[in-house]
Amino acid sequence: MNCNDNTAVFCDCKTTQTQEFCGNADDNIASNKKLSIELLAIDLSRCNRCIPTAKKLKKALEILRPVAQILGIELEYKETVVFSLEDAKEKALLSSPTIRINGHDTVQNVQESLCESCSSLTQNNIPIDCRDWYYKGKLYSYPPLPMLVEIILKALLNIDDLQPVSQKPLQELPANLMTYFENSLEKKSCG
């Protein structure tokens, strides 16, 4: 390719390339779209499921941030620790941890198993279950990175169909969360 070629551009990388292949061409699309990702958990300091979920989620966002920028979508991330039974009802928490994108739960079915680290946060080590993650035929105690990348990428590509919603508060919590909050060693409240 030479400078006389109509498809050639001189870009920041100091080479002559077609615009579609230039790695430094400004392809970012201006947009005011936002994808809000929220991790809700009953504990982010000791739970052996919530902590790795947060780490994997941050890694997935790090991987996909350049894609979001190219698509003109702002990625927003928030971690919310749910401290009380009332807070859990208000936030419509069905299981911990929960990941929501624009207010939508990313996993519709709740599957749980014993979480010894959360059980140790209750009086008398009452058995507490935390969310399991089902991906490609296997069950995981925290979501694998490829699963999170797929979920977020799908949301980025379908952002126009994923309008922000607010969860309707729950009248009753699932029994597992009721047990946790009623027996928590560290009863806290937000505010």
C-alpha atoms as a PDB file:
ATOM      1  CA  MET A   1       0.000   0.000   0.000  1.00  0.00           C
ATOM      2  CA  ASN A   2       1.278   3.494  -0.734  1.00  0.00           C
ATOM      3  CA  CYS A   3       0.297   7.070  -0.012  1.00  0.00           C
ATOM      4  CA  ASN A   4      -1.414   7.423  -3.402  1.00  0.00           C
ATOM      5  CA  ASP A   5      -3.894   4.686  -2.517  1.00  0.00           C
ATOM      6  CA  ASN A   6      -7.268   6.329  -1.760  1.00  0.00           C
ATOM      7  CA  THR A   7      -7.896   3.967   1.145  1.00  0.00           C
ATOM      8  CA  ALA A   8      -4.626   4.787   2.874  1.00  0.00           C
ATOM      9  CA  VAL A   9      -4.463   7.024   5.924  1.00  0.00           C
ATOM     10  CA  PHE A  10      -1.531   8.211   7.961  1.00  0.00           C
ATOM     11  CA  CYS A  11      -2.297   7.470  11.565  1.00  0.00           C
ATOM     12  CA  ASP A  12      -0.693   7.857  14.978  1.00  0.00           C
ATOM     13  CA  CYS A  13       1.099   4.549  14.563  1.00  0.00           C
ATOM     14  CA  LYS A  14       3.248   6.254  11.863  1.00  0.00           C
ATOM     15  CA  THR A  15       2.428   3.681   9.224  1.00  0.00           C
ATOM     16  CA  THR A  16       0.256   3.838   6.175  1.00  0.00           C
ATOM     17  CA  GLN A  17      -2.692   1.506   6.618  1.00  0.00           C
ATOM     18  CA  THR A  18      -6.285   1.292   5.571  1.00  0.00           C
ATOM     19  CA  GLN A  19      -8.447   3.060   8.104  1.00  0.00           C
ATOM     20  CA  GLU A  20     -10.305  -0.105   9.053  1.00  0.00           C
ATOM     21  CA  PHE A  21      -7.069  -1.824  10.109  1.00  0.00           C
ATOM     22  CA  CYS A  22      -5.360   1.070  11.840  1.00  0.00           C
ATOM     23  CA  GLY A  23      -5.119   0.209  15.503  1.00  0.00           C
ATOM     24  CA  ASN A  24      -4.968   3.845  16.569  1.00  0.00           C
ATOM     25  CA  ALA A  25      -7.824   5.235  14.495  1.00  0.00           C
ATOM     26  CA  ASP A  26     -10.427   6.957  16.642  1.00  0.00           C
ATOM     27  CA  ASP A  27     -13.352   4.558  16.345  1.00  0.00           C
ATOM     28  CA  ASN A  28     -15.068   5.534  19.577  1.00  0.00           C
ATOM     29  CA  ILE A  29     -18.708   6.389  19.082  1.00  0.00           C
ATOM     30  CA  ALA A  30     -20.103   9.220  21.162  1.00  0.00           C
ATOM     31  CA  SER A  31     -23.096   7.978  23.128  1.00  0.00           C
ATOM     32  CA  ASN A  32     -24.817   8.577  26.399  1.00  0.00           C
ATOM     33  CA  LYS A  33     -25.585   4.906  27.009  1.00  0.00           C
ATOM     34  CA  LYS A  34     -24.684   3.412  30.355  1.00  0.00           C
ATOM     35  CA  LEU A  35     -24.489  -0.180  31.541  1.00  0.00           C
ATOM     36  CA  SER A  36     -24.743  -0.418  35.325  1.00  0.00           C
ATOM     37  CA  ILE A  37     -23.373  -3.566  36.919  1.00  0.00           C
ATOM     38  CA  GLU A  38     -24.040  -4.153  40.605  1.00  0.00           C
ATOM     39  CA  LEU A  39     -22.801  -6.909  42.875  1.00  0.00           C
ATOM     40  CA  LEU A  40     -25.019  -7.472  45.914  1.00  0.00           C
ATOM     41  CA  ALA A  41     -23.652  -9.639  48.708  1.00  0.00           C
ATOM     42  CA  ILE A  42     -24.159 -10.317  52.396  1.00  0.00           C
ATOM     43  CA  ASP A  43     -20.398 -10.184  53.001  1.00  0.00           C
ATOM     44  CA  LEU A  44     -17.456  -8.978  50.921  1.00  0.00           C
ATOM     45  CA  SER A  45     -14.726  -9.374  53.520  1.00  0.00           C
ATOM     46  CA  ARG A  46     -14.911 -13.044  54.547  1.00  0.00           C
ATOM     47  CA  CYS A  47     -17.250 -14.983  52.249  1.00  0.00           C
ATOM     48  CA  ASN A  48     -15.358 -17.501  50.119  1.00  0.00           C
ATOM     49  CA  ARG A  49     -17.922 -17.064  47.346  1.00  0.00           C
ATOM     50  CA  CYS A  50     -18.639 -13.342  47.364  1.00  0.00           C
ATOM     51  CA  ILE A  51     -14.981 -12.256  47.427  1.00  0.00           C
ATOM     52  CA  PRO A  52     -13.922 -14.252  44.329  1.00  0.00           C
ATOM     53  CA  THR A  53     -17.156 -13.240  42.587  1.00  0.00           C
ATOM     54  CA  ALA A  54     -16.198  -9.579  43.085  1.00  0.00           C
ATOM     55  CA  LYS A  55     -12.639 -10.206  41.843  1.00  0.00           C
ATOM     56  CA  LYS A  56     -13.809 -12.092  38.740  1.00  0.00           C
ATOM     57  CA  LEU A  57     -16.430  -9.445  38.012  1.00  0.00           C
ATOM     58  CA  LYS A  58     -13.832  -6.656  38.203  1.00  0.00           C
ATOM     59  CA  LYS A  59     -11.553  -8.642  35.874  1.00  0.00           C
ATOM     60  CA  ALA A  60     -14.391  -9.154  33.370  1.00  0.00           C
ATOM     61  CA  LEU A  61     -15.074  -5.408  33.424  1.00  0.00           C
ATOM     62  CA  GLU A  62     -11.379  -4.675  32.904  1.00  0.00           C
ATOM     63  CA  ILE A  63     -11.373  -6.975  29.864  1.00  0.00           C
ATOM     64  CA  LEU A  64     -14.557  -5.485  28.389  1.00  0.00           C
ATOM     65  CA  ARG A  65     -13.988  -1.794  29.143  1.00  0.00           C
ATOM     66  CA  PRO A  66     -12.219  -1.190  25.779  1.00  0.00           C
ATOM     67  CA  VAL A  67     -15.115  -2.882  23.957  1.00  0.00           C
ATOM     68  CA  ALA A  68     -17.613  -0.711  25.836  1.00  0.00           C
ATOM     69  CA  GLN A  69     -15.630   2.410  24.918  1.00  0.00           C
ATOM     70  CA  ILE A  70     -15.630   1.478  21.240  1.00  0.00           C
ATOM     71  CA  LEU A  71     -19.397   0.902  21.431  1.00  0.00           C
ATOM     72  CA  GLY A  72     -19.837   4.243  23.188  1.00  0.00           C
ATOM     73  CA  ILE A  73     -21.178   2.679  26.379  1.00  0.00           C
ATOM     74  CA  GLU A  74     -20.122   3.772  29.839  1.00  0.00           C
ATOM     75  CA  LEU A  75     -19.600   0.886  32.267  1.00  0.00           C
ATOM     76  CA  GLU A  76     -20.571   1.613  35.845  1.00  0.00           C
ATOM     77  CA  TYR A  77     -19.729  -0.823  38.660  1.00  0.00           C
ATOM     78  CA  LYS A  78     -21.037  -0.841  42.199  1.00  0.00           C
ATOM     79  CA  GLU A  79     -20.639  -3.245  45.116  1.00  0.00           C
ATOM     80  CA  THR A  80     -23.424  -3.314  47.680  1.00  0.00           C
ATOM     81  CA  VAL A  81     -23.144  -5.138  50.978  1.00  0.00           C
ATOM     82  CA  VAL A  82     -26.598  -5.959  52.291  1.00  0.00           C
ATOM     83  CA  PHE A  83     -26.429  -5.566  56.065  1.00  0.00           C
ATOM     84  CA  SER A  84     -29.929  -6.272  57.324  1.00  0.00           C
ATOM     85  CA  LEU A  85     -33.129  -8.166  56.742  1.00  0.00           C
ATOM     86  CA  GLU A  86     -34.906  -4.891  55.899  1.00  0.00           C
ATOM     87  CA  ASP A  87     -32.151  -3.903  53.475  1.00  0.00           C
ATOM     88  CA  ALA A  88     -32.344  -7.322  51.788  1.00  0.00           C
ATOM     89  CA  LYS A  89     -36.112  -6.963  51.348  1.00  0.00           C
ATOM     90  CA  GLU A  90     -35.738  -3.423  49.993  1.00  0.00           C
ATOM     91  CA  LYS A  91     -33.102  -4.565  47.486  1.00  0.00           C
ATOM     92  CA  ALA A  92     -35.119  -7.697  46.574  1.00  0.00           C
ATOM     93  CA  LEU A  93     -32.162  -9.969  47.335  1.00  0.00           C
ATOM     94  CA  LEU A  94     -33.008 -13.586  46.532  1.00  0.00           C
ATOM     95  CA  SER A  95     -29.539 -15.064  47.021  1.00  0.00           C
ATOM     96  CA  SER A  96     -26.009 -13.952  47.786  1.00  0.00           C
ATOM     97  CA  PRO A  97     -24.062 -13.049  45.788  1.00  0.00           C
ATOM     98  CA  THR A  98     -26.290 -11.547  43.102  1.00  0.00           C
ATOM     99  CA  ILE A  99     -25.143  -9.713  39.986  1.00  0.00           C
ATOM    100  CA  ARG A 100     -27.498  -7.245  38.338  1.00  0.00           C
ATOM    101  CA  ILE A 101     -27.090  -5.446  35.041  1.00  0.00           C
ATOM    102  CA  ASN A 102     -29.247  -2.332  34.683  1.00  0.00           C
ATOM    103  CA  GLY A 103     -31.242  -3.704  37.618  1.00  0.00           C
ATOM    104  CA  HIS A 104     -31.906  -7.124  36.030  1.00  0.00           C
ATOM    105  CA  ASP A 105     -30.671 -10.245  37.828  1.00  0.00           C
ATOM    106  CA  THR A 106     -28.171 -11.964  35.537  1.00  0.00           C
ATOM    107  CA  VAL A 107     -29.127 -15.434  36.764  1.00  0.00           C
ATOM    108  CA  GLN A 108     -32.840 -16.122  37.008  1.00  0.00           C
ATOM    109  CA  ASN A 109     -32.806 -19.448  38.829  1.00  0.00           C
ATOM    110  CA  VAL A 110     -31.442 -19.609  42.348  1.00  0.00           C
ATOM    111  CA  GLN A 111     -29.306 -22.614  43.117  1.00  0.00           C
ATOM    112  CA  GLU A 112     -27.441 -22.700  46.432  1.00  0.00           C
ATOM    113  CA  SER A 113     -25.253 -24.906  48.568  1.00  0.00           C
ATOM    114  CA  LEU A 114     -23.599 -24.722  51.972  1.00  0.00           C
ATOM    115  CA  CYS A 115     -21.213 -21.801  52.428  1.00  0.00           C
ATOM    116  CA  GLU A 116     -19.055 -22.522  55.460  1.00  0.00           C
ATOM    117  CA  SER A 117     -17.569 -19.023  55.544  1.00  0.00           C
ATOM    118  CA  CYS A 118     -21.016 -17.386  55.813  1.00  0.00           C
ATOM    119  CA  SER A 119     -22.141 -20.027  58.303  1.00  0.00           C
ATOM    120  CA  SER A 120     -19.234 -18.952  60.526  1.00  0.00           C
ATOM    121  CA  LEU A 121     -20.708 -15.427  60.566  1.00  0.00           C
ATOM    122  CA  THR A 122     -23.807 -16.641  62.433  1.00  0.00           C
ATOM    123  CA  GLN A 123     -24.491 -17.537  66.036  1.00  0.00           C
ATOM    124  CA  ASN A 124     -23.719 -21.233  66.613  1.00  0.00           C
ATOM    125  CA  ASN A 125     -22.482 -21.655  63.009  1.00  0.00           C
ATOM    126  CA  ILE A 126     -25.980 -22.105  61.617  1.00  0.00           C
ATOM    127  CA  PRO A 127     -25.751 -23.574  58.092  1.00  0.00           C
ATOM    128  CA  ILE A 128     -26.085 -20.842  55.466  1.00  0.00           C
ATOM    129  CA  ASP A 129     -26.236 -21.425  51.738  1.00  0.00           C
ATOM    130  CA  CYS A 130     -24.804 -19.111  49.096  1.00  0.00           C
ATOM    131  CA  ARG A 131     -25.451 -19.000  45.372  1.00  0.00           C
ATOM    132  CA  ASP A 132     -24.015 -21.602  43.027  1.00  0.00           C
ATOM    133  CA  TRP A 133     -23.325 -20.727  39.404  1.00  0.00           C
ATOM    134  CA  TYR A 134     -24.166 -23.135  36.598  1.00  0.00           C
ATOM    135  CA  TYR A 135     -22.083 -22.686  33.443  1.00  0.00           C
ATOM    136  CA  LYS A 136     -21.559 -24.989  30.452  1.00  0.00           C
ATOM    137  CA  GLY A 137     -22.716 -28.106  32.263  1.00  0.00           C
ATOM    138  CA  LYS A 138     -20.757 -27.548  35.475  1.00  0.00           C
ATOM    139  CA  LEU A 139     -21.616 -26.139  38.876  1.00  0.00           C
ATOM    140  CA  TYR A 140     -19.308 -23.507  40.419  1.00  0.00           C
ATOM    141  CA  SER A 141     -19.231 -21.886  43.851  1.00  0.00           C
ATOM    142  CA  TYR A 142     -18.410 -18.561  42.173  1.00  0.00           C
ATOM    143  CA  PRO A 143     -18.867 -17.552  38.547  1.00  0.00           C
ATOM    144  CA  PRO A 144     -16.009 -18.395  36.183  1.00  0.00           C
ATOM    145  CA  LEU A 145     -14.505 -15.473  34.286  1.00  0.00           C
ATOM    146  CA  PRO A 146     -15.729 -16.648  30.834  1.00  0.00           C
ATOM    147  CA  MET A 147     -19.305 -16.755  32.163  1.00  0.00           C
ATOM    148  CA  LEU A 148     -19.095 -13.160  33.391  1.00  0.00           C
ATOM    149  CA  VAL A 149     -17.483 -11.965  30.157  1.00  0.00           C
ATOM    150  CA  GLU A 150     -20.299 -13.605  28.156  1.00  0.00           C
ATOM    151  CA  ILE A 151     -23.036 -12.100  30.345  1.00  0.00           C
ATOM    152  CA  ILE A 152     -21.601  -8.576  30.190  1.00  0.00           C
ATOM    153  CA  LEU A 153     -20.730  -8.781  26.483  1.00  0.00           C
ATOM    154  CA  LYS A 154     -24.276  -9.903  25.687  1.00  0.00           C
ATOM    155  CA  ALA A 155     -25.598  -6.945  27.696  1.00  0.00           C
ATOM    156  CA  LEU A 156     -23.284  -4.545  25.840  1.00  0.00           C
ATOM    157  CA  LEU A 157     -24.415  -5.857  22.468  1.00  0.00           C
ATOM    158  CA  ASN A 158     -28.095  -5.748  23.447  1.00  0.00           C
ATOM    159  CA  ILE A 159     -28.091  -2.580  25.533  1.00  0.00           C
ATOM    160  CA  ASP A 160     -31.102  -1.124  23.709  1.00  0.00           C
ATOM    161  CA  ASP A 161     -33.172  -4.101  24.903  1.00  0.00           C
ATOM    162  CA  LEU A 162     -31.893  -3.863  28.481  1.00  0.00           C
ATOM    163  CA  GLN A 163     -33.610  -0.801  29.868  1.00  0.00           C
ATOM    164  CA  PRO A 164     -32.822   0.035  33.508  1.00  0.00           C
ATOM    165  CA  VAL A 165     -35.320  -1.303  36.044  1.00  0.00           C
ATOM    166  CA  SER A 166     -35.746  -1.069  39.789  1.00  0.00           C
ATOM    167  CA  GLN A 167     -36.445  -4.239  41.695  1.00  0.00           C
ATOM    168  CA  LYS A 168     -39.737  -4.280  43.574  1.00  0.00           C
ATOM    169  CA  PRO A 169     -39.093  -4.787  47.321  1.00  0.00           C
ATOM    170  CA  LEU A 170     -39.866  -8.242  48.663  1.00  0.00           C
ATOM    171  CA  GLN A 171     -42.583  -8.881  51.238  1.00  0.00           C
ATOM    172  CA  GLU A 172     -40.736 -11.985  52.447  1.00  0.00           C
ATOM    173  CA  LEU A 173     -37.134 -13.065  52.082  1.00  0.00           C
ATOM    174  CA  PRO A 174     -36.150 -16.601  51.140  1.00  0.00           C
ATOM    175  CA  ALA A 175     -35.771 -18.734  54.293  1.00  0.00           C
ATOM    176  CA  ASN A 176     -32.002 -19.015  53.880  1.00  0.00           C
ATOM    177  CA  LEU A 177     -31.478 -15.237  53.984  1.00  0.00           C
ATOM    178  CA  MET A 178     -33.978 -14.847  56.842  1.00  0.00           C
ATOM    179  CA  THR A 179     -31.938 -17.371  58.829  1.00  0.00           C
ATOM    180  CA  TYR A 180     -28.702 -15.538  58.059  1.00  0.00           C
ATOM    181  CA  PHE A 181     -29.932 -12.071  59.050  1.00  0.00           C
ATOM    182  CA  GLU A 182     -31.781 -13.279  62.154  1.00  0.00           C
ATOM    183  CA  ASN A 183     -28.630 -15.047  63.401  1.00  0.00           C
ATOM    184  CA  SER A 184     -25.843 -12.807  62.134  1.00  0.00           C
ATOM    185  CA  LEU A 185     -23.054 -12.162  64.639  1.00  0.00           C
ATOM    186  CA  GLU A 186     -22.613  -8.642  63.321  1.00  0.00           C
ATOM    187  CA  LYS A 187     -26.035  -7.091  63.106  1.00  0.00           C
ATOM    188  CA  LYS A 188     -25.566  -3.896  61.142  1.00  0.00           C
ATOM    189  CA  SER A 189     -27.828  -1.388  59.558  1.00  0.00           C
ATOM    190  CA  CYS A 190     -27.253   1.013  56.726  1.00  0.00           C
ATOM    191  CA  GLY A 191     -27.562   4.680  57.298  1.00  0.00           C
END
